[in-house]
Amino acid sequence: MRRWIGECGRQTLRARLIRKGLVVEHRLRAWQDRVRASARGLAIVARSRSEAGMSTAEYAVGTIAACAFAGLLFKIVSSPEVRKMLSDIISRALKLAG
C-alpha cells in the first residue's frame, strides 16, 4: 500500500512539474515572439530612416575644420593690432565708468 501511495505521489509530482514546464515553455515562446517582433520593427525603422547624421569621415573633417578655425581666431586675437584695439576699448570703458 505504501509503495502504491508513493508511486501515486511521484506521478502527481511529475505531472505537476511537466505542466509547470509546459507553462514556462509557453511563456518563453510568447516572450521570444514579442522580442522578434520588436526587432523586426526596429530594423524596418532603421532601414527607412534617411541618413540624418555625419559619418566618421565627416566628423574627422569637421573636427579638423573647427580646430583650424580656432587656431585662426587665436592668431588674430593674439596679434599686436587686435591686442591694442582691445586694450583701447577696455581703457575707454574704465575711463567712462570712473
PDB file of N, CA and C in Angstrom:
ATOM      1  N   MET A   1       0.820  -1.186   0.000  1.00  0.00           N
ATOM      2  CA  MET A   1       0.000   0.000   0.000  1.00  0.00           C
ATOM      3  C   MET A   1       0.874   1.263   0.000  1.00  0.00           C
ATOM      4  N   ARG A   2       1.891   1.280   0.872  1.00  0.00           N
ATOM      5  CA  ARG A   2       2.776   2.442   0.931  1.00  0.00           C
ATOM      6  C   ARG A   2       3.463   2.673  -0.417  1.00  0.00           C
ATOM      7  N   ARG A   3       3.861   1.563  -1.037  1.00  0.00           N
ATOM      8  CA  ARG A   3       4.521   1.678  -2.331  1.00  0.00           C
ATOM      9  C   ARG A   3       3.572   2.303  -3.358  1.00  0.00           C
ATOM     10  N   TRP A   4       2.317   1.896  -3.353  1.00  0.00           N
ATOM     11  CA  TRP A   4       1.334   2.427  -4.289  1.00  0.00           C
ATOM     12  C   TRP A   4       1.111   3.916  -4.040  1.00  0.00           C
ATOM     13  N   ILE A   5       1.000   4.310  -2.763  1.00  0.00           N
ATOM     14  CA  ILE A   5       0.818   5.729  -2.417  1.00  0.00           C
ATOM     15  C   ILE A   5       2.040   6.523  -2.840  1.00  0.00           C
ATOM     16  N   GLY A   6       3.217   5.945  -2.628  1.00  0.00           N
ATOM     17  CA  GLY A   6       4.436   6.617  -3.045  1.00  0.00           C
ATOM     18  C   GLY A   6       4.498   6.808  -4.549  1.00  0.00           C
ATOM     19  N   GLU A   7       4.096   5.789  -5.302  1.00  0.00           N
ATOM     20  CA  GLU A   7       4.080   5.890  -6.764  1.00  0.00           C
ATOM     21  C   GLU A   7       3.088   6.955  -7.223  1.00  0.00           C
ATOM     22  N   CYS A   8       1.912   6.984  -6.609  1.00  0.00           N
ATOM     23  CA  CYS A   8       0.897   7.983  -6.975  1.00  0.00           C
ATOM     24  C   CYS A   8       1.424   9.392  -6.682  1.00  0.00           C
ATOM     25  N   GLY A   9       2.079   9.540  -5.539  1.00  0.00           N
ATOM     26  CA  GLY A   9       2.638  10.842  -5.183  1.00  0.00           C
ATOM     27  C   GLY A   9       3.700  11.277  -6.174  1.00  0.00           C
ATOM     28  N   ARG A  10       4.543  10.365  -6.592  1.00  0.00           N
ATOM     29  CA  ARG A  10       5.581  10.695  -7.564  1.00  0.00           C
ATOM     30  C   ARG A  10       4.973  11.069  -8.906  1.00  0.00           C
ATOM     31  N   GLN A  11       3.927  10.339  -9.287  1.00  0.00           N
ATOM     32  CA  GLN A  11       3.312  10.620 -10.578  1.00  0.00           C
ATOM     33  C   GLN A  11       2.636  11.995 -10.576  1.00  0.00           C
ATOM     34  N   THR A  12       1.971  12.321  -9.494  1.00  0.00           N
ATOM     35  CA  THR A  12       1.321  13.638  -9.459  1.00  0.00           C
ATOM     36  C   THR A  12       2.367  14.742  -9.414  1.00  0.00           C
ATOM     37  N   LEU A  13       3.454  14.508  -8.675  1.00  0.00           N
ATOM     38  CA  LEU A  13       4.529  15.488  -8.643  1.00  0.00           C
ATOM     39  C   LEU A  13       5.137  15.634 -10.028  1.00  0.00           C
ATOM     40  N   ARG A  14       5.365  14.505 -10.675  1.00  0.00           N
ATOM     41  CA  ARG A  14       5.913  14.530 -12.023  1.00  0.00           C
ATOM     42  C   ARG A  14       4.961  15.240 -12.976  1.00  0.00           C
ATOM     43  N   ALA A  15       3.679  14.979 -12.841  1.00  0.00           N
ATOM     44  CA  ALA A  15       2.679  15.623 -13.696  1.00  0.00           C
ATOM     45  C   ALA A  15       2.652  17.131 -13.464  1.00  0.00           C
ATOM     46  N   ARG A  16       2.744  17.524 -12.185  1.00  0.00           N
ATOM     47  CA  ARG A  16       2.774  18.960 -11.884  1.00  0.00           C
ATOM     48  C   ARG A  16       3.988  19.637 -12.500  1.00  0.00           C
ATOM     49  N   LEU A  17       5.146  18.993 -12.354  1.00  0.00           N
ATOM     50  CA  LEU A  17       6.361  19.569 -12.919  1.00  0.00           C
ATOM     51  C   LEU A  17       6.276  19.661 -14.442  1.00  0.00           C
ATOM     52  N   ILE A  18       5.708  18.652 -15.065  1.00  0.00           N
ATOM     53  CA  ILE A  18       5.549  18.682 -16.523  1.00  0.00           C
ATOM     54  C   ILE A  18       4.619  19.821 -16.920  1.00  0.00           C
ATOM     55  N   ARG A  19       3.514  19.976 -16.196  1.00  0.00           N
ATOM     56  CA  ARG A  19       2.584  21.058 -16.502  1.00  0.00           C
ATOM     57  C   ARG A  19       3.250  22.422 -16.320  1.00  0.00           C
ATOM     58  N   LYS A  20       3.990  22.579 -15.219  1.00  0.00           N
ATOM     59  CA  LYS A  20       4.687  23.848 -14.990  1.00  0.00           C
ATOM     60  C   LYS A  20       5.721  24.092 -16.072  1.00  0.00           C
ATOM     61  N   GLY A  21       6.408  23.037 -16.473  1.00  0.00           N
ATOM     62  CA  GLY A  21       7.386  23.172 -17.550  1.00  0.00           C
ATOM     63  C   GLY A  21       6.740  23.609 -18.846  1.00  0.00           C
ATOM     64  N   LEU A  22       5.551  23.076 -19.132  1.00  0.00           N
ATOM     65  CA  LEU A  22       4.845  23.473 -20.347  1.00  0.00           C
ATOM     66  C   LEU A  22       4.401  24.927 -20.278  1.00  0.00           C
ATOM     67  N   VAL A  23       3.948  25.348 -19.091  1.00  0.00           N
ATOM     68  CA  VAL A  23       3.536  26.739 -18.918  1.00  0.00           C
ATOM     69  C   VAL A  23       4.734  27.661 -19.108  1.00  0.00           C
ATOM     70  N   VAL A  24       5.852  27.307 -18.509  1.00  0.00           N
ATOM     71  CA  VAL A  24       7.061  28.123 -18.639  1.00  0.00           C
ATOM     72  C   VAL A  24       7.509  28.156 -20.097  1.00  0.00           C
ATOM     73  N   GLU A  25       7.465  27.018 -20.763  1.00  0.00           N
ATOM     74  CA  GLU A  25       7.859  26.955 -22.169  1.00  0.00           C
ATOM     75  C   GLU A  25       6.938  27.828 -23.026  1.00  0.00           C
ATOM     76  N   HIS A  26       5.645  27.798 -22.728  1.00  0.00           N
ATOM     77  CA  HIS A  26       4.686  28.620 -23.470  1.00  0.00           C
ATOM     78  C   HIS A  26       4.983  30.106 -23.263  1.00  0.00           C
ATOM     79  N   ARG A  27       5.231  30.494 -22.017  1.00  0.00           N
ATOM     80  CA  ARG A  27       5.554  31.897 -21.719  1.00  0.00           C
ATOM     81  C   ARG A  27       6.853  32.312 -22.395  1.00  0.00           C
ATOM     82  N   LEU A  28       7.833  31.423 -22.404  1.00  0.00           N
ATOM     83  CA  LEU A  28       9.110  31.725 -23.046  1.00  0.00           C
ATOM     84  C   LEU A  28       8.932  31.927 -24.550  1.00  0.00           C
ATOM     85  N   ARG A  29       8.135  31.073 -25.172  1.00  0.00           N
ATOM     86  CA  ARG A  29       7.883  31.236 -26.606  1.00  0.00           C
ATOM     87  C   ARG A  29       7.155  32.545 -26.900  1.00  0.00           C
ATOM     88  N   ALA A  30       6.195  32.896 -26.057  1.00  0.00           N
ATOM     89  CA  ALA A  30       5.474  34.158 -26.249  1.00  0.00           C
ATOM     90  C   ALA A  30       6.439  35.339 -26.110  1.00  0.00           C
ATOM     91  N   TRP A  31       7.325  35.279 -25.127  1.00  0.00           N
ATOM     92  CA  TRP A  31       8.315  36.331 -24.930  1.00  0.00           C
ATOM     93  C   TRP A  31       9.248  36.424 -26.127  1.00  0.00           C
ATOM     94  N   GLN A  32       9.689  35.274 -26.654  1.00  0.00           N
ATOM     95  CA  GLN A  32      10.559  35.269 -27.833  1.00  0.00           C
ATOM     96  C   GLN A  32       9.849  35.881 -29.032  1.00  0.00           C
ATOM     97  N   ASP A  33       8.573  35.581 -29.198  1.00  0.00           N
ATOM     98  CA  ASP A  33       7.818  36.159 -30.311  1.00  0.00           C
ATOM     99  C   ASP A  33       7.730  37.678 -30.193  1.00  0.00           C
ATOM    100  N   ARG A  34       7.511  38.175 -28.973  1.00  0.00           N
ATOM    101  CA  ARG A  34       7.458  39.630 -28.780  1.00  0.00           C
ATOM    102  C   ARG A  34       8.799  40.278 -29.081  1.00  0.00           C
ATOM    103  N   VAL A  35       9.892  39.656 -28.643  1.00  0.00           N
ATOM    104  CA  VAL A  35      11.225  40.204 -28.896  1.00  0.00           C
ATOM    105  C   VAL A  35      11.512  40.210 -30.394  1.00  0.00           C
ATOM    106  N   ARG A  36      11.170  39.122 -31.081  1.00  0.00           N
ATOM    107  CA  ARG A  36      11.402  39.076 -32.531  1.00  0.00           C
ATOM    108  C   ARG A  36      10.585  40.143 -33.248  1.00  0.00           C
ATOM    109  N   ALA A  37       9.340  40.338 -32.835  1.00  0.00           N
ATOM    110  CA  ALA A  37       8.502  41.363 -33.464  1.00  0.00           C
ATOM    111  C   ALA A  37       9.085  42.753 -33.237  1.00  0.00           C
ATOM    112  N   SER A  38       9.585  43.010 -32.032  1.00  0.00           N
ATOM    113  CA  SER A  38      10.208  44.308 -31.747  1.00  0.00           C
ATOM    114  C   SER A  38      11.450  44.510 -32.586  1.00  0.00           C
ATOM    115  N   ALA A  39      12.256  43.469 -32.705  1.00  0.00           N
ATOM    116  CA  ALA A  39      13.486  43.566 -33.503  1.00  0.00           C
ATOM    117  C   ALA A  39      13.148  43.830 -34.971  1.00  0.00           C
ATOM    118  N   ARG A  40      12.127  43.157 -35.477  1.00  0.00           N
ATOM    119  CA  ARG A  40      11.716  43.395 -36.871  1.00  0.00           C
ATOM    120  C   ARG A  40      11.269  44.841 -37.053  1.00  0.00           C
ATOM    121  N   GLY A  41      10.495  45.349 -36.107  1.00  0.00           N
ATOM    122  CA  GLY A  41      10.026  46.737 -36.190  1.00  0.00           C
ATOM    123  C   GLY A  41      11.172  47.727 -36.163  1.00  0.00           C
ATOM    124  N   LEU A  42      12.139  47.490 -35.288  1.00  0.00           N
ATOM    125  CA  LEU A  42      13.297  48.381 -35.217  1.00  0.00           C
ATOM    126  C   LEU A  42      14.120  48.329 -36.496  1.00  0.00           C
ATOM    127  N   ALA A  43      14.254  47.147 -37.078  1.00  0.00           N
ATOM    128  CA  ALA A  43      15.007  47.015 -38.321  1.00  0.00           C
ATOM    129  C   ALA A  43      14.319  47.771 -39.448  1.00  0.00           C
ATOM    130  N   ILE A  44      12.998  47.709 -39.501  1.00  0.00           N
ATOM    131  CA  ILE A  44      12.258  48.436 -40.538  1.00  0.00           C
ATOM    132  C   ILE A  44      12.436  49.937 -40.365  1.00  0.00           C
ATOM    133  N   VAL A  45      12.356  50.413 -39.133  1.00  0.00           N
ATOM    134  CA  VAL A  45      12.532  51.849 -38.880  1.00  0.00           C
ATOM    135  C   VAL A  45      13.951  52.280 -39.238  1.00  0.00           C
ATOM    136  N   ALA A  46      14.938  51.469 -38.890  1.00  0.00           N
ATOM    137  CA  ALA A  46      16.327  51.821 -39.181  1.00  0.00           C
ATOM    138  C   ALA A  46      16.573  51.870 -40.685  1.00  0.00           C
ATOM    139  N   ARG A  47      15.973  50.952 -41.439  1.00  0.00           N
ATOM    140  CA  ARG A  47      16.165  50.953 -42.891  1.00  0.00           C
ATOM    141  C   ARG A  47      15.459  52.122 -43.550  1.00  0.00           C
ATOM    142  N   SER A  48      14.301  52.511 -43.041  1.00  0.00           N
ATOM    143  CA  SER A  48      13.521  53.549 -43.694  1.00  0.00           C
ATOM    144  C   SER A  48      14.001  54.956 -43.348  1.00  0.00           C
ATOM    145  N   ARG A  49      14.730  55.111 -42.268  1.00  0.00           N
ATOM    146  CA  ARG A  49      15.178  56.425 -41.834  1.00  0.00           C
ATOM    147  C   ARG A  49      16.299  56.920 -42.747  1.00  0.00           C
ATOM    148  N   SER A  50      16.204  58.165 -43.181  1.00  0.00           N
ATOM    149  CA  SER A  50      17.263  58.716 -44.035  1.00  0.00           C
ATOM    150  C   SER A  50      18.492  59.019 -43.189  1.00  0.00           C
ATOM    151  N   GLU A  51      19.606  59.186 -43.851  1.00  0.00           N
ATOM    152  CA  GLU A  51      20.851  59.471 -43.132  1.00  0.00           C
ATOM    153  C   GLU A  51      20.819  60.922 -42.670  1.00  0.00           C
ATOM    154  N   ALA A  52      20.627  61.102 -41.394  1.00  0.00           N
ATOM    155  CA  ALA A  52      20.494  62.447 -40.855  1.00  0.00           C
ATOM    156  C   ALA A  52      21.788  62.954 -40.235  1.00  0.00           C
ATOM    157  N   GLY A  53      22.684  62.068 -39.836  1.00  0.00           N
ATOM    158  CA  GLY A  53      23.895  62.483 -39.143  1.00  0.00           C
ATOM    159  C   GLY A  53      25.126  62.394 -40.027  1.00  0.00           C
ATOM    160  N   MET A  54      26.250  62.679 -39.405  1.00  0.00           N
ATOM    161  CA  MET A  54      27.506  62.616 -40.132  1.00  0.00           C
ATOM    162  C   MET A  54      28.150  61.253 -39.939  1.00  0.00           C
ATOM    163  N   SER A  55      28.902  60.831 -40.924  1.00  0.00           N
ATOM    164  CA  SER A  55      29.662  59.594 -40.796  1.00  0.00           C
ATOM    165  C   SER A  55      30.992  59.904 -40.117  1.00  0.00           C
ATOM    166  N   THR A  56      31.784  58.892 -39.883  1.00  0.00           N
ATOM    167  CA  THR A  56      33.052  59.082 -39.181  1.00  0.00           C
ATOM    168  C   THR A  56      33.988  59.999 -39.957  1.00  0.00           C
ATOM    169  N   ALA A  57      34.058  59.838 -41.264  1.00  0.00           N
ATOM    170  CA  ALA A  57      34.934  60.693 -42.073  1.00  0.00           C
ATOM    171  C   ALA A  57      34.474  62.152 -42.006  1.00  0.00           C
ATOM    172  N   GLU A  58      33.165  62.366 -42.028  1.00  0.00           N
ATOM    173  CA  GLU A  58      32.654  63.736 -41.936  1.00  0.00           C
ATOM    174  C   GLU A  58      32.952  64.344 -40.566  1.00  0.00           C
ATOM    175  N   TYR A  59      32.888  63.527 -39.506  1.00  0.00           N
ATOM    176  CA  TYR A  59      33.273  64.016 -38.177  1.00  0.00           C
ATOM    177  C   TYR A  59      34.741  64.436 -38.168  1.00  0.00           C
ATOM    178  N   ALA A  60      35.590  63.648 -38.793  1.00  0.00           N
ATOM    179  CA  ALA A  60      37.021  63.967 -38.819  1.00  0.00           C
ATOM    180  C   ALA A  60      37.268  65.280 -39.547  1.00  0.00           C
ATOM    181  N   VAL A  61      36.648  65.460 -40.710  1.00  0.00           N
ATOM    182  CA  VAL A  61      36.832  66.698 -41.476  1.00  0.00           C
ATOM    183  C   VAL A  61      36.262  67.881 -40.705  1.00  0.00           C
ATOM    184  N   GLY A  62      35.098  67.702 -40.077  1.00  0.00           N
ATOM    185  CA  GLY A  62      34.506  68.773 -39.280  1.00  0.00           C
ATOM    186  C   GLY A  62      35.370  69.155 -38.091  1.00  0.00           C
ATOM    187  N   THR A  63      35.958  68.158 -37.447  1.00  0.00           N
ATOM    188  CA  THR A  63      36.843  68.437 -36.308  1.00  0.00           C
ATOM    189  C   THR A  63      38.084  69.195 -36.745  1.00  0.00           C
ATOM    190  N   ILE A  64      38.675  68.786 -37.867  1.00  0.00           N
ATOM    191  CA  ILE A  64      39.865  69.477 -38.376  1.00  0.00           C
ATOM    192  C   ILE A  64      39.518  70.920 -38.749  1.00  0.00           C
ATOM    193  N   ALA A  65      38.361  71.127 -39.385  1.00  0.00           N
ATOM    194  CA  ALA A  65      37.952  72.485 -39.745  1.00  0.00           C
ATOM    195  C   ALA A  65      37.733  73.338 -38.496  1.00  0.00           C
ATOM    196  N   ALA A  66      37.123  72.772 -37.464  1.00  0.00           N
ATOM    197  CA  ALA A  66      36.897  73.525 -36.226  1.00  0.00           C
ATOM    198  C   ALA A  66      38.221  73.888 -35.552  1.00  0.00           C
ATOM    199  N   CYS A  67      39.168  72.967 -35.569  1.00  0.00           N
ATOM    200  CA  CYS A  67      40.491  73.256 -34.983  1.00  0.00           C
ATOM    201  C   CYS A  67      41.215  74.340 -35.778  1.00  0.00           C
ATOM    202  N   ALA A  68      41.117  74.273 -37.096  1.00  0.00           N
ATOM    203  CA  ALA A  68      41.761  75.301 -37.932  1.00  0.00           C
ATOM    204  C   ALA A  68      41.140  76.665 -37.668  1.00  0.00           C
ATOM    205  N   PHE A  69      39.818  76.728 -37.531  1.00  0.00           N
ATOM    206  CA  PHE A  69      39.138  77.990 -37.251  1.00  0.00           C
ATOM    207  C   PHE A  69      39.539  78.524 -35.878  1.00  0.00           C
ATOM    208  N   ALA A  70      39.646  77.644 -34.897  1.00  0.00           N
ATOM    209  CA  ALA A  70      40.071  78.072 -33.556  1.00  0.00           C
ATOM    210  C   ALA A  70      41.499  78.614 -33.589  1.00  0.00           C
ATOM    211  N   GLY A  71      42.379  77.944 -34.346  1.00  0.00           N
ATOM    212  CA  GLY A  71      43.759  78.431 -34.475  1.00  0.00           C
ATOM    213  C   GLY A  71      43.817  79.787 -35.142  1.00  0.00           C
ATOM    214  N   LEU A  72      42.997  79.987 -36.173  1.00  0.00           N
ATOM    215  CA  LEU A  72      42.952  81.275 -36.862  1.00  0.00           C
ATOM    216  C   LEU A  72      42.455  82.373 -35.935  1.00  0.00           C
ATOM    217  N   LEU A  73      41.400  82.090 -35.161  1.00  0.00           N
ATOM    218  CA  LEU A  73      40.900  83.082 -34.204  1.00  0.00           C
ATOM    219  C   LEU A  73      41.950  83.419 -33.149  1.00  0.00           C
ATOM    220  N   PHE A  74      42.647  82.403 -32.660  1.00  0.00           N
ATOM    221  CA  PHE A  74      43.692  82.646 -31.661  1.00  0.00           C
ATOM    222  C   PHE A  74      44.792  83.538 -32.242  1.00  0.00           C
ATOM    223  N   LYS A  75      45.175  83.259 -33.481  1.00  0.00           N
ATOM    224  CA  LYS A  75      46.230  84.050 -34.127  1.00  0.00           C
ATOM    225  C   LYS A  75      45.776  85.498 -34.302  1.00  0.00           C
ATOM    226  N   ILE A  76      44.514  85.695 -34.695  1.00  0.00           N
ATOM    227  CA  ILE A  76      44.004  87.052 -34.896  1.00  0.00           C
ATOM    228  C   ILE A  76      43.923  87.801 -33.575  1.00  0.00           C
ATOM    229  N   VAL A  77      43.378  87.157 -32.555  1.00  0.00           N
ATOM    230  CA  VAL A  77      43.204  87.834 -31.269  1.00  0.00           C
ATOM    231  C   VAL A  77      44.541  88.117 -30.599  1.00  0.00           C
ATOM    232  N   SER A  78      45.528  87.253 -30.816  1.00  0.00           N
ATOM    233  CA  SER A  78      46.829  87.467 -30.161  1.00  0.00           C
ATOM    234  C   SER A  78      47.760  88.355 -30.984  1.00  0.00           C
ATOM    235  N   SER A  79      47.300  88.882 -32.112  1.00  0.00           N
ATOM    236  CA  SER A  79      48.144  89.783 -32.907  1.00  0.00           C
ATOM    237  C   SER A  79      48.252  91.139 -32.199  1.00  0.00           C
ATOM    238  N   PRO A  80      49.344  91.870 -32.441  1.00  0.00           N
ATOM    239  CA  PRO A  80      49.538  93.165 -31.738  1.00  0.00           C
ATOM    240  C   PRO A  80      48.443  94.192 -32.049  1.00  0.00           C
ATOM    241  N   GLU A  81      47.958  94.229 -33.283  1.00  0.00           N
ATOM    242  CA  GLU A  81      46.929  95.220 -33.640  1.00  0.00           C
ATOM    243  C   GLU A  81      45.633  94.979 -32.861  1.00  0.00           C
ATOM    244  N   VAL A  82      45.222  93.741 -32.804  1.00  0.00           N
ATOM    245  CA  VAL A  82      43.971  93.423 -32.110  1.00  0.00           C
ATOM    246  C   VAL A  82      44.134  93.620 -30.611  1.00  0.00           C
ATOM    247  N   ARG A  83      45.296  93.268 -30.079  1.00  0.00           N
ATOM    248  CA  ARG A  83      45.544  93.492 -28.646  1.00  0.00           C
ATOM    249  C   ARG A  83      45.455  94.978 -28.312  1.00  0.00           C
ATOM    250  N   LYS A  84      46.010  95.836 -29.185  1.00  0.00           N
ATOM    251  CA  LYS A  84      45.966  97.283 -28.946  1.00  0.00           C
ATOM    252  C   LYS A  84      44.525  97.780 -28.999  1.00  0.00           C
ATOM    253  N   MET A  85      43.744  97.279 -29.987  1.00  0.00           N
ATOM    254  CA  MET A  85      42.342  97.680 -30.082  1.00  0.00           C
ATOM    255  C   MET A  85      41.566  97.260 -28.834  1.00  0.00           C
ATOM    256  N   LEU A  86      41.776  96.045 -28.367  1.00  0.00           N
ATOM    257  CA  LEU A  86      41.075  95.567 -27.171  1.00  0.00           C
ATOM    258  C   LEU A  86      41.473  96.354 -25.929  1.00  0.00           C
ATOM    259  N   SER A  87      42.747  96.651 -25.785  1.00  0.00           N
ATOM    260  CA  SER A  87      43.185  97.423 -24.615  1.00  0.00           C
ATOM    261  C   SER A  87      42.649  98.847 -24.665  1.00  0.00           C
ATOM    262  N   ASP A  88      42.540  99.448 -25.885  1.00  0.00           N
ATOM    263  CA  ASP A  88      41.947 100.780 -26.010  1.00  0.00           C
ATOM    264  C   ASP A  88      40.470 100.764 -25.610  1.00  0.00           C
ATOM    265  N   ILE A  89      39.739  99.728 -26.054  1.00  0.00           N
ATOM    266  CA  ILE A  89      38.315  99.631 -25.713  1.00  0.00           C
ATOM    267  C   ILE A  89      38.153  99.486 -24.198  1.00  0.00           C
ATOM    268  N   ILE A  90      38.985  98.659 -23.572  1.00  0.00           N
ATOM    269  CA  ILE A  90      38.889  98.445 -22.122  1.00  0.00           C
ATOM    270  C   ILE A  90      39.251  99.726 -21.368  1.00  0.00           C
ATOM    271  N   SER A  91      40.291 100.434 -21.810  1.00  0.00           N
ATOM    272  CA  SER A  91      40.677 101.672 -21.111  1.00  0.00           C
ATOM    273  C   SER A  91      39.606 102.746 -21.266  1.00  0.00           C
ATOM    274  N   ARG A  92      38.968 102.848 -22.438  1.00  0.00           N
ATOM    275  CA  ARG A  92      37.875 103.814 -22.623  1.00  0.00           C
ATOM    276  C   ARG A  92      36.696 103.462 -21.695  1.00  0.00           C
ATOM    277  N   ALA A  93      36.394 102.186 -21.594  1.00  0.00           N
ATOM    278  CA  ALA A  93      35.282 101.764 -20.739  1.00  0.00           C
ATOM    279  C   ALA A  93      35.590 102.099 -19.281  1.00  0.00           C
ATOM    280  N   LEU A  94      36.841 101.918 -18.850  1.00  0.00           N
ATOM    281  CA  LEU A  94      37.201 102.214 -17.467  1.00  0.00           C
ATOM    282  C   LEU A  94      37.178 103.723 -17.196  1.00  0.00           C
ATOM    283  N   LYS A  95      37.557 104.532 -18.214  1.00  0.00           N
ATOM    284  CA  LYS A  95      37.517 105.980 -18.037  1.00  0.00           C
ATOM    285  C   LYS A  95      36.080 106.485 -17.905  1.00  0.00           C
ATOM    286  N   LEU A  96      35.164 105.859 -18.702  1.00  0.00           N
ATOM    287  CA  LEU A  96      33.765 106.265 -18.616  1.00  0.00           C
ATOM    288  C   LEU A  96      33.143 105.855 -17.288  1.00  0.00           C
ATOM    289  N   ALA A  97      33.559 104.709 -16.770  1.00  0.00           N
ATOM    290  CA  ALA A  97      32.986 104.221 -15.517  1.00  0.00           C
ATOM    291  C   ALA A  97      33.535 104.985 -14.326  1.00  0.00           C
ATOM    292  N   GLY A  98      34.711 105.556 -14.515  1.00  0.00           N
ATOM    293  CA  GLY A  98      35.168 106.210 -13.474  1.00  0.00           C
ATOM    294  C   GLY A  98      36.017 106.884 -12.687  1.00  0.00           C
TER     295      GLY A  98
END
